[in-house]
Amino acid sequence: MAKTLVGLEITEESVRGVEVTTGRSPALIAAGEVPLPRETARDSEVLDQDAVAVALRTLWMGAGFKGRRVTLGVGSRRILVREYTTQAMAPQLLRQALPYQVQDLLPVPVSQAVLDFYPLGQVGDQVTGLLVAAVSDNIEQMIATLKKAKLSVEAVDLVPFGLARVAKRVAQPGDTVAMIHLGDHTSYVTVATDGIPNFVRIIPVEIATTASQREPTMMPMAEAEIEEVLEPVGASGILPRRSGTRASLRGSAPATSGVTDVVARLRSTLSFFQGREGAPRVVQVFVSGAGYVAPGVADAIERSFDVPVVPIRLEQFVNARNRSLTDDLAFNAVATAGVLFGEGAK
C-alpha cells in the first residue's frame, strides 16, 4: 500500500481525522469525525484524557484509518500568533535566542511555552516573521492522550499555516487570498500568497452548527480492513442521538445578530490587514468549516465582501475517489488536511 499521512484535530466538539496518500495528487484514504461529550476538550486542549482517548479509538475503528502516526493540528484562542522582527541569524541560534527575546510578549512564563518562528522576509540584518507561542502543558496533554489511544505524534502544526498551504492548491499562482475557516467556537483567518502566510488571526466566536447533535461521520477506505483489533469501547456516552440531515447546503434562514457579529469581525480583520502599508491586495476569499453551512452564514459572508467568495470542501484539493462526504465533514476536514501539506508532503 502507498505511504499515507494522517492529520488530526481535537476541538471542543469532536476529534477529527483525515488520511491521504502522499504525492502531488493526494487521494483520500479515510476521513471521520466523532463527537465529544461536553467539558471533555476545548480547541486544542484536552480536559478529560480518557474520554478523548475513547473517541479517538472509536474514530480509528469506525473510519478505517491505517496509519497510527499523526500530524496534530492545533489552533485556539490561547495560542499567540503575532508579527515579530528580530536580528537575522542561523535557525538553530534563533531557536536558542527566541525565549529570551520574547518572554515579555507572552501571556505565560517562557518556561511554560512552546515557541516557533515562521520567517517571511528580510531587510538588511533584520528578519520579520510570525511568532507562534502555545502553552506547553496543553500540547503535552494532547500528546499523552494520543498515546492512550495507541497513536503517536509525528509533528505538531498550526492549523492556520495549514490553511495557507491549502490556498496554494486552490488559488491562482501569485494571487493573495484570504482563507477563512469557521468553527463552532474558534475561527481562523489566514491571508496567503503562494502558500506563504502573510497574516494570521485566531478569532474566538460562537457559531451555532449541528456539531453537538450529529452522529459520528465516517468515510472509510475502500475494502478497508482494520489491521489491529482495538480494545472494546464501552458505553461512554460519546455517540449522540440521531438527528436529521440538512435539506440543503446553505440555510435559508436570515442572518441573526450572532451571524452579523461574526461577519463584522471577519470584515474588520481583513480590513485591518488590507489597510497596512505595502499589504498585497486580497483578490479572493475561500471559506471552509462547518460554520459556513450554518443558517444564514453563507449568504451573509457573500454579501459582505467585494471580492469573490468561494466555499471550499476537502474534495476540491484531495481526490475523494467519488466518495460522498457530509457537508459538515467536507468543510471541517479542509483544516485537518491542511496540516499534512508541509515540507516533505508534495
Foldseek 3Di string as FASTA:
>chain_A
DADKAKFWWDAQFWIWMWIWGFDPFIATAKIWIFTFDHPQAHGLFGDNLVRNLLRVLVQCVVQQDDDQEHAYEGDDPQKDKDKDKDFDDPPVVCVVCVLVVCQVVHPDGSVQKDWDWDWDDDDDRMTMTIIIIHGNVSVVSVQVSSVSNVGHYPHYYYLLLLQLQVCLQQDDAQAWAWEWEDEQFKIKIFTYHNSHTPDIDIDGAHFDFCSNAAFMFINHGVVRDRPDDGDDRDPSVRGHDHDDADPDQEAADADDPRLVVVLVVVVVVVVVQVPDPPRDDHAEYEYFARSCSGYHNVVVNCVRDPHYYHYFFQCSRHPHVPDDGGRRRRRHCSSRCSSVCDPPRD
